[in-house]
C-alpha atoms as a PDB file:
ATOM      1  CA  UNK A   1     128.857  71.684 145.790  1.00  0.00           C
ATOM      2  CA  UNK A   2     125.119  72.188 145.522  1.00  0.00           C
ATOM      3  CA  UNK A   3     123.546  72.358 142.069  1.00  0.00           C
ATOM      4  CA  UNK A   4     122.278  75.908 142.617  1.00  0.00           C
ATOM      5  CA  UNK A   5     125.783  77.082 143.522  1.00  0.00           C
ATOM      6  CA  UNK A   6     127.185  75.319 140.477  1.00  0.00           C
ATOM      7  CA  UNK A   7     124.637  77.026 138.219  1.00  0.00           C
ATOM      8  CA  UNK A   8     125.451  80.439 139.676  1.00  0.00           C
ATOM      9  CA  UNK A   9     129.159  79.797 139.173  1.00  0.00           C
ATOM     10  CA  UNK A  10     128.776  78.680 135.546  1.00  0.00           C
ATOM     11  CA  UNK A  11     126.512  81.616 134.648  1.00  0.00           C
ATOM     12  CA  UNK A  12     128.981  84.070 136.179  1.00  0.00           C
ATOM     13  CA  UNK A  13     131.841  82.614 134.125  1.00  0.00           C
ATOM     14  CA  UNK A  14     129.863  82.733 130.863  1.00  0.00           C
ATOM     15  CA  UNK A  15     128.853  86.343 131.588  1.00  0.00           C
ATOM     16  CA  UNK A  16     132.519  87.396 131.730  1.00  0.00           C
ATOM     17  CA  UNK A  17     133.143  86.564 128.064  1.00  0.00           C
ATOM     18  CA  UNK A  18     131.496  88.451 125.231  1.00  0.00           C
ATOM     19  CA  UNK A  19     130.748  86.716 121.925  1.00  0.00           C
ATOM     20  CA  UNK A  20     132.991  89.200 120.107  1.00  0.00           C
ATOM     21  CA  UNK A  21     135.963  88.186 122.287  1.00  0.00           C
ATOM     22  CA  UNK A  22     135.792  84.640 120.965  1.00  0.00           C
ATOM     23  CA  UNK A  23     135.009  85.501 117.348  1.00  0.00           C
ATOM     24  CA  UNK A  24     131.249  84.932 117.330  1.00  0.00           C
ATOM     25  CA  UNK A  25     128.811  87.225 115.627  1.00  0.00           C
ATOM     26  CA  UNK A  26     126.869  89.453 117.963  1.00  0.00           C
ATOM     27  CA  UNK A  27     123.183  90.076 117.515  1.00  0.00           C
ATOM     28  CA  UNK A  28     121.588  93.324 118.662  1.00  0.00           C
ATOM     29  CA  UNK A  29     119.384  91.793 121.351  1.00  0.00           C
ATOM     30  CA  UNK A  30     120.709  89.126 123.676  1.00  0.00           C
ATOM     31  CA  UNK A  31     118.701  87.994 126.677  1.00  0.00           C
ATOM     32  CA  UNK A  32     121.757  87.136 128.776  1.00  0.00           C
ATOM     33  CA  UNK A  33     125.139  88.806 129.136  1.00  0.00           C
ATOM     34  CA  UNK A  34     128.112  86.909 127.766  1.00  0.00           C
ATOM     35  CA  UNK A  35     128.054  83.560 126.055  1.00  0.00           C
ATOM     36  CA  UNK A  36     124.950  81.453 125.776  1.00  0.00           C
ATOM     37  CA  UNK A  37     125.047  77.915 127.131  1.00  0.00           C
ATOM     38  CA  UNK A  38     125.104  76.353 123.650  1.00  0.00           C
ATOM     39  CA  UNK A  39     127.904  78.668 122.489  1.00  0.00           C
ATOM     40  CA  UNK A  40     130.075  77.740 125.479  1.00  0.00           C
ATOM     41  CA  UNK A  41     129.368  74.036 124.937  1.00  0.00           C
ATOM     42  CA  UNK A  42     130.297  74.205 121.252  1.00  0.00           C
ATOM     43  CA  UNK A  43     133.551  75.997 122.035  1.00  0.00           C
ATOM     44  CA  UNK A  44     134.419  73.370 124.674  1.00  0.00           C
ATOM     45  CA  UNK A  45     133.599  70.502 122.307  1.00  0.00           C
ATOM     46  CA  UNK A  46     130.830  69.284 124.624  1.00  0.00           C
ATOM     47  CA  UNK A  47     127.293  68.277 123.839  1.00  0.00           C
ATOM     48  CA  UNK A  48     124.833  71.179 123.870  1.00  0.00           C
ATOM     49  CA  UNK A  49     122.187  68.935 125.430  1.00  0.00           C
ATOM     50  CA  UNK A  50     124.177  68.401 128.606  1.00  0.00           C
END
């Protein structure tokens, strides 16, 4: 799988889940739909840097 395709796939999966659905506080202005990369990493127990 090409890296661009992987990025598109991961962004589409994060966009499906809202922060409220997983118990995170929502702020009025979010730049992206769904979970942010660092929020998804924390929930998965992975490093936010990678």
